[in-house]
Each structure stands twice: as C-alpha cells, then as structure tokens.
Amino acid sequence: MSTRYYIRLPDGAAARGDTAATSFTAHGAAEFAEQLQQAMRTTQVFDRWRGGQPDPDDVDPALGATDPNAVASGEQHDLHIDLVLTTTLPGDVVRHRLRLLAGSHWQLRDVTAA
C-alpha cells in the first residue's frame, strides 16, 4: 500500500542537509521533487551517507530500502515549496532521507493513504 506524504520546505534556499554529499542541490520546486524522487527510488543518497559513518557495516540495512515506483511533485509558493511524495517506503525511511537531503529544514504537513 502506498502512502502520500505532504512535505513543506519553508525556505528552499535553506533546505540543505548537514553533508554536501547527501544534501539537496535543487533551486526550484521541480528540481526538489526530482531529487526527492530519485532519493526514494535508488540507494545513492543512503550509500553516500552510510559510507561516511564510522562503521558502515553497523548501519541498519533497512534504512537503505527503495521504492522504484516512488513519485514526487513540487509546487513553489513564494519562498516555500510544497512537495507531495507517494511511496510504499515506511515513514522512518522517508524521514531519514529527508533529514539527509534537507537537514531540519522541512515539515511533514500531512500523511494519507494513496
């Protein structure tokens, strides 16, 4: 079953993670949505994060789950960006990826069954 996550980036320019290797690089709603979608469909962001951990083998492999059918869209509203992510990934994986991508500069506005 898919879940739809409604995510807000209050300030797109500030929506960056703590590490450049895993952070958003986008500058507009469509780019943010594309990078979010890619982060859910592949292990690229997770692999870069895991590689930077003191003991990569101790990282819970469940955090590397992917959903090749994840879909994200975005809309720009003045300074903030609203993203909608539809995925079968569990919430803890979605939140972990968002923290890697945007740091603490995101808000989960709502969650619904898709």
N, C-alpha and C. Protein backbone atom coordinates (compact mmCIF):
# COMPACT_ATOMS: atom_id res chain seq x y z
N MET A 1 0.83 -1.18 0.00
CA MET A 1 0.00 0.00 0.00
C MET A 1 0.88 1.25 0.00
N SER A 2 0.50 2.20 -0.79
CA SER A 2 1.26 3.45 -0.89
C SER A 2 0.75 4.47 0.12
N THR A 3 1.65 5.34 0.51
CA THR A 3 1.34 6.45 1.39
C THR A 3 1.73 7.73 0.70
N ARG A 4 0.92 8.76 0.92
CA ARG A 4 1.22 10.08 0.35
C ARG A 4 1.66 11.00 1.48
N TYR A 5 2.85 11.57 1.32
CA TYR A 5 3.44 12.48 2.31
C TYR A 5 3.39 13.89 1.74
N TYR A 6 2.85 14.81 2.53
CA TYR A 6 2.79 16.22 2.14
C TYR A 6 3.87 16.94 2.94
N ILE A 7 4.87 17.43 2.22
CA ILE A 7 6.07 17.97 2.84
C ILE A 7 6.22 19.43 2.45
N ARG A 8 6.62 20.26 3.40
CA ARG A 8 6.88 21.67 3.11
C ARG A 8 8.34 21.98 3.41
N LEU A 9 8.96 22.66 2.47
CA LEU A 9 10.28 23.24 2.67
C LEU A 9 10.03 24.73 2.87
N PRO A 10 10.08 25.23 4.12
CA PRO A 10 9.74 26.63 4.38
C PRO A 10 10.61 27.63 3.62
N ASP A 11 11.84 27.27 3.38
CA ASP A 11 12.77 28.14 2.66
C ASP A 11 13.65 27.23 1.80
N GLY A 12 13.38 27.20 0.50
CA GLY A 12 14.11 26.32 -0.40
C GLY A 12 15.61 26.53 -0.35
N ALA A 13 16.05 27.76 -0.17
CA ALA A 13 17.49 28.04 -0.12
C ALA A 13 18.14 27.43 1.12
N ALA A 14 17.38 27.26 2.20
CA ALA A 14 17.93 26.70 3.44
C ALA A 14 17.76 25.19 3.51
N ALA A 15 17.00 24.61 2.59
CA ALA A 15 16.69 23.18 2.64
C ALA A 15 17.90 22.36 2.17
N ARG A 16 18.86 22.27 3.05
CA ARG A 16 20.09 21.54 2.77
C ARG A 16 20.43 20.69 3.98
N GLY A 17 20.94 19.50 3.73
CA GLY A 17 21.35 18.62 4.81
C GLY A 17 22.69 19.05 5.38
N ASP A 18 23.15 18.30 6.36
CA ASP A 18 24.41 18.62 7.04
C ASP A 18 25.64 18.28 6.21
N THR A 19 25.49 17.40 5.23
CA THR A 19 26.61 16.95 4.43
C THR A 19 26.32 17.19 2.95
N ALA A 20 27.22 17.84 2.26
CA ALA A 20 27.01 18.16 0.85
C ALA A 20 26.77 16.90 0.00
N ALA A 21 27.38 15.79 0.38
CA ALA A 21 27.26 14.56 -0.41
C ALA A 21 25.85 14.00 -0.42
N THR A 22 25.05 14.34 0.58
CA THR A 22 23.69 13.80 0.65
C THR A 22 22.62 14.88 0.56
N SER A 23 23.01 16.10 0.46
CA SER A 23 22.09 17.23 0.55
C SER A 23 21.41 17.55 -0.78
N PHE A 24 20.22 18.15 -0.67
CA PHE A 24 19.58 18.74 -1.85
C PHE A 24 20.54 19.75 -2.48
N THR A 25 20.52 19.83 -3.79
CA THR A 25 21.24 20.88 -4.52
C THR A 25 20.27 21.70 -5.36
N ALA A 26 19.00 21.39 -5.27
CA ALA A 26 17.96 21.99 -6.10
C ALA A 26 17.75 23.46 -5.79
N HIS A 27 17.14 24.15 -6.77
CA HIS A 27 16.83 25.57 -6.61
C HIS A 27 15.38 25.90 -6.95
N GLY A 28 14.61 24.92 -7.34
CA GLY A 28 13.20 25.15 -7.67
C GLY A 28 12.37 23.93 -7.33
N ALA A 29 11.06 24.10 -7.31
CA ALA A 29 10.15 23.03 -6.89
C ALA A 29 10.33 21.77 -7.72
N ALA A 30 10.44 21.90 -9.03
CA ALA A 30 10.58 20.71 -9.88
C ALA A 30 11.88 19.97 -9.59
N GLU A 31 12.97 20.72 -9.37
CA GLU A 31 14.25 20.09 -9.05
C GLU A 31 14.22 19.39 -7.69
N PHE A 32 13.60 20.03 -6.69
CA PHE A 32 13.48 19.40 -5.38
C PHE A 32 12.70 18.09 -5.50
N ALA A 33 11.58 18.13 -6.24
CA ALA A 33 10.76 16.93 -6.41
C ALA A 33 11.56 15.83 -7.12
N GLU A 34 12.30 16.20 -8.14
CA GLU A 34 13.10 15.22 -8.89
C GLU A 34 14.16 14.58 -7.99
N GLN A 35 14.85 15.40 -7.19
CA GLN A 35 15.89 14.86 -6.31
C GLN A 35 15.28 14.00 -5.19
N LEU A 36 14.12 14.40 -4.67
CA LEU A 36 13.44 13.60 -3.66
C LEU A 36 13.01 12.26 -4.24
N GLN A 37 12.45 12.29 -5.41
CA GLN A 37 12.01 11.06 -6.08
C GLN A 37 13.19 10.12 -6.30
N GLN A 38 14.29 10.65 -6.79
CA GLN A 38 15.49 9.85 -7.03
C GLN A 38 16.03 9.26 -5.73
N ALA A 39 15.97 10.04 -4.64
CA ALA A 39 16.46 9.55 -3.35
C ALA A 39 15.62 8.40 -2.82
N MET A 40 14.35 8.35 -3.19
CA MET A 40 13.48 7.26 -2.74
C MET A 40 13.58 6.04 -3.66
N ARG A 41 13.85 6.28 -4.93
CA ARG A 41 13.91 5.19 -5.91
C ARG A 41 15.23 4.43 -5.90
N THR A 42 16.30 5.07 -5.45
CA THR A 42 17.63 4.46 -5.50
C THR A 42 18.30 4.51 -4.13
N THR A 43 19.44 3.85 -4.01
CA THR A 43 20.19 3.87 -2.75
C THR A 43 21.32 4.90 -2.77
N GLN A 44 21.37 5.76 -3.77
CA GLN A 44 22.50 6.69 -3.91
C GLN A 44 22.73 7.54 -2.66
N VAL A 45 21.70 8.21 -2.18
CA VAL A 45 21.85 9.08 -1.01
C VAL A 45 22.20 8.24 0.22
N PHE A 46 21.50 7.14 0.41
CA PHE A 46 21.78 6.26 1.54
C PHE A 46 23.22 5.75 1.49
N ASP A 47 23.67 5.31 0.32
CA ASP A 47 25.03 4.77 0.19
C ASP A 47 26.09 5.82 0.53
N ARG A 48 25.87 7.06 0.08
CA ARG A 48 26.84 8.13 0.41
C ARG A 48 26.85 8.41 1.90
N TRP A 49 25.67 8.42 2.53
CA TRP A 49 25.59 8.63 3.97
C TRP A 49 26.25 7.48 4.72
N ARG A 50 25.91 6.26 4.36
CA ARG A 50 26.47 5.09 5.04
C ARG A 50 27.99 5.06 4.92
N GLY A 51 28.52 5.42 3.76
CA GLY A 51 29.97 5.45 3.56
C GLY A 51 30.68 6.43 4.47
N GLY A 52 29.96 7.44 4.95
CA GLY A 52 30.57 8.43 5.84
C GLY A 52 30.42 8.11 7.32
N GLN A 53 29.80 6.99 7.63
CA GLN A 53 29.61 6.59 9.02
C GLN A 53 30.88 5.93 9.57
N PRO A 54 31.14 6.05 10.88
CA PRO A 54 32.34 5.46 11.48
C PRO A 54 32.46 3.95 11.21
N ASP A 55 31.33 3.24 11.25
CA ASP A 55 31.34 1.81 10.96
C ASP A 55 30.17 1.51 10.02
N PRO A 56 30.37 1.67 8.71
CA PRO A 56 29.28 1.48 7.75
C PRO A 56 28.59 0.12 7.86
N ASP A 57 29.32 -0.90 8.30
CA ASP A 57 28.71 -2.23 8.42
C ASP A 57 27.70 -2.31 9.57
N ASP A 58 27.76 -1.36 10.50
CA ASP A 58 26.81 -1.34 11.62
C ASP A 58 25.51 -0.62 11.29
N VAL A 59 25.43 0.01 10.13
CA VAL A 59 24.23 0.75 9.75
C VAL A 59 23.10 -0.24 9.43
N ASP A 60 21.92 0.06 9.94
CA ASP A 60 20.75 -0.78 9.69
C ASP A 60 20.45 -0.79 8.19
N PRO A 61 20.56 -1.95 7.54
CA PRO A 61 20.32 -2.01 6.10
C PRO A 61 18.89 -1.67 5.70
N ALA A 62 17.95 -1.74 6.65
CA ALA A 62 16.56 -1.39 6.35
C ALA A 62 16.42 0.08 5.95
N LEU A 63 17.33 0.93 6.44
CA LEU A 63 17.29 2.35 6.06
C LEU A 63 17.63 2.55 4.59
N GLY A 64 18.18 1.54 3.94
CA GLY A 64 18.53 1.62 2.52
C GLY A 64 17.44 1.14 1.59
N ALA A 65 16.26 0.86 2.13
CA ALA A 65 15.14 0.40 1.31
C ALA A 65 14.84 1.41 0.20
N THR A 66 14.36 0.90 -0.92
CA THR A 66 13.99 1.77 -2.04
C THR A 66 12.60 1.43 -2.54
N ASP A 67 12.04 2.35 -3.27
CA ASP A 67 10.75 2.16 -3.93
C ASP A 67 10.91 2.66 -5.37
N PRO A 68 11.15 1.76 -6.32
CA PRO A 68 11.38 2.18 -7.70
C PRO A 68 10.19 2.88 -8.34
N ASN A 69 9.03 2.81 -7.69
CA ASN A 69 7.82 3.47 -8.22
C ASN A 69 7.45 4.73 -7.46
N ALA A 70 8.31 5.20 -6.56
CA ALA A 70 8.03 6.43 -5.83
C ALA A 70 7.86 7.60 -6.80
N VAL A 71 6.92 8.47 -6.47
CA VAL A 71 6.65 9.64 -7.32
C VAL A 71 6.60 10.87 -6.43
N ALA A 72 7.28 11.93 -6.86
CA ALA A 72 7.26 13.19 -6.13
C ALA A 72 6.91 14.33 -7.08
N SER A 73 6.17 15.29 -6.57
CA SER A 73 5.86 16.50 -7.33
C SER A 73 6.06 17.69 -6.41
N GLY A 74 6.25 18.86 -7.00
CA GLY A 74 6.50 20.04 -6.20
C GLY A 74 5.84 21.28 -6.75
N GLU A 75 5.50 22.20 -5.85
CA GLU A 75 4.92 23.49 -6.22
C GLU A 75 5.62 24.58 -5.43
N GLN A 76 5.96 25.65 -6.12
CA GLN A 76 6.60 26.81 -5.50
C GLN A 76 5.52 27.79 -5.04
N HIS A 77 5.64 28.28 -3.80
CA HIS A 77 4.71 29.27 -3.25
C HIS A 77 5.57 30.34 -2.57
N ASP A 78 5.81 31.45 -3.23
CA ASP A 78 6.71 32.48 -2.72
C ASP A 78 8.03 31.83 -2.30
N LEU A 79 8.37 31.87 -1.00
CA LEU A 79 9.63 31.29 -0.55
C LEU A 79 9.54 29.80 -0.27
N HIS A 80 8.35 29.31 0.12
CA HIS A 80 8.27 27.90 0.49
C HIS A 80 7.91 27.02 -0.71
N ILE A 81 8.25 25.76 -0.56
CA ILE A 81 7.99 24.76 -1.58
C ILE A 81 7.20 23.63 -0.94
N ASP A 82 6.12 23.24 -1.60
CA ASP A 82 5.33 22.10 -1.15
C ASP A 82 5.64 20.91 -2.04
N LEU A 83 5.97 19.79 -1.40
CA LEU A 83 6.27 18.56 -2.11
C LEU A 83 5.24 17.51 -1.72
N VAL A 84 4.87 16.67 -2.68
CA VAL A 84 4.00 15.53 -2.41
C VAL A 84 4.76 14.30 -2.87
N LEU A 85 4.95 13.38 -1.95
CA LEU A 85 5.67 12.14 -2.22
C LEU A 85 4.71 10.97 -2.02
N THR A 86 4.60 10.13 -3.03
CA THR A 86 3.81 8.92 -2.93
C THR A 86 4.76 7.74 -3.02
N THR A 87 4.75 6.89 -1.98
CA THR A 87 5.71 5.81 -1.90
C THR A 87 5.19 4.67 -1.02
N THR A 88 5.79 3.52 -1.19
CA THR A 88 5.49 2.38 -0.32
C THR A 88 6.51 2.28 0.80
N LEU A 89 7.50 3.16 0.82
CA LEU A 89 8.53 3.12 1.86
C LEU A 89 7.93 3.47 3.22
N PRO A 90 8.44 2.84 4.29
CA PRO A 90 7.95 3.19 5.63
C PRO A 90 8.37 4.60 6.03
N GLY A 91 7.60 5.17 6.96
CA GLY A 91 7.83 6.54 7.39
C GLY A 91 9.22 6.79 7.94
N ASP A 92 9.81 5.82 8.65
CA ASP A 92 11.14 6.07 9.21
C ASP A 92 12.19 6.21 8.11
N VAL A 93 12.03 5.49 6.99
CA VAL A 93 12.96 5.63 5.87
C VAL A 93 12.77 6.98 5.20
N VAL A 94 11.52 7.38 4.99
CA VAL A 94 11.22 8.67 4.37
C VAL A 94 11.80 9.80 5.22
N ARG A 95 11.58 9.77 6.52
CA ARG A 95 12.09 10.83 7.40
C ARG A 95 13.62 10.85 7.41
N HIS A 96 14.24 9.69 7.42
CA HIS A 96 15.71 9.62 7.40
C HIS A 96 16.25 10.26 6.13
N ARG A 97 15.68 9.92 4.98
CA ARG A 97 16.15 10.50 3.71
C ARG A 97 15.92 12.00 3.68
N LEU A 98 14.79 12.46 4.20
CA LEU A 98 14.53 13.90 4.23
C LEU A 98 15.53 14.62 5.11
N ARG A 99 15.91 14.02 6.24
CA ARG A 99 16.93 14.65 7.09
C ARG A 99 18.27 14.72 6.36
N LEU A 100 18.60 13.69 5.60
CA LEU A 100 19.85 13.72 4.83
C LEU A 100 19.79 14.80 3.75
N LEU A 101 18.65 14.90 3.09
CA LEU A 101 18.50 15.85 1.98
C LEU A 101 18.35 17.29 2.44
N ALA A 102 17.54 17.51 3.47
CA ALA A 102 17.17 18.88 3.84
C ALA A 102 17.54 19.26 5.27
N GLY A 103 18.21 18.39 5.99
CA GLY A 103 18.54 18.69 7.39
C GLY A 103 17.27 18.81 8.21
N SER A 104 17.16 19.88 8.96
CA SER A 104 15.95 20.11 9.76
C SER A 104 15.04 21.14 9.10
N HIS A 105 15.28 21.43 7.84
CA HIS A 105 14.57 22.50 7.13
C HIS A 105 13.40 21.97 6.31
N TRP A 106 12.60 21.09 6.91
CA TRP A 106 11.42 20.56 6.25
C TRP A 106 10.35 20.29 7.30
N GLN A 107 9.11 20.25 6.85
CA GLN A 107 7.99 19.98 7.74
C GLN A 107 7.08 18.94 7.09
N LEU A 108 6.68 17.96 7.86
CA LEU A 108 5.70 16.99 7.40
C LEU A 108 4.32 17.57 7.71
N ARG A 109 3.57 17.92 6.68
CA ARG A 109 2.30 18.61 6.86
C ARG A 109 1.14 17.65 7.02
N ASP A 110 1.20 16.48 6.32
CA ASP A 110 0.10 15.53 6.38
C ASP A 110 0.57 14.22 5.79
N VAL A 111 -0.13 13.15 6.15
CA VAL A 111 0.12 11.82 5.61
C VAL A 111 -1.22 11.18 5.34
N THR A 112 -1.40 10.64 4.13
CA THR A 112 -2.65 9.97 3.78
C THR A 112 -2.35 8.68 3.03
N ALA A 113 -3.32 7.79 3.03
CA ALA A 113 -3.21 6.59 2.18
C ALA A 113 -3.40 7.04 0.74
N ALA A 114 -2.62 6.45 -0.14
CA ALA A 114 -2.71 6.85 -1.55
C ALA A 114 -3.66 5.93 -2.30
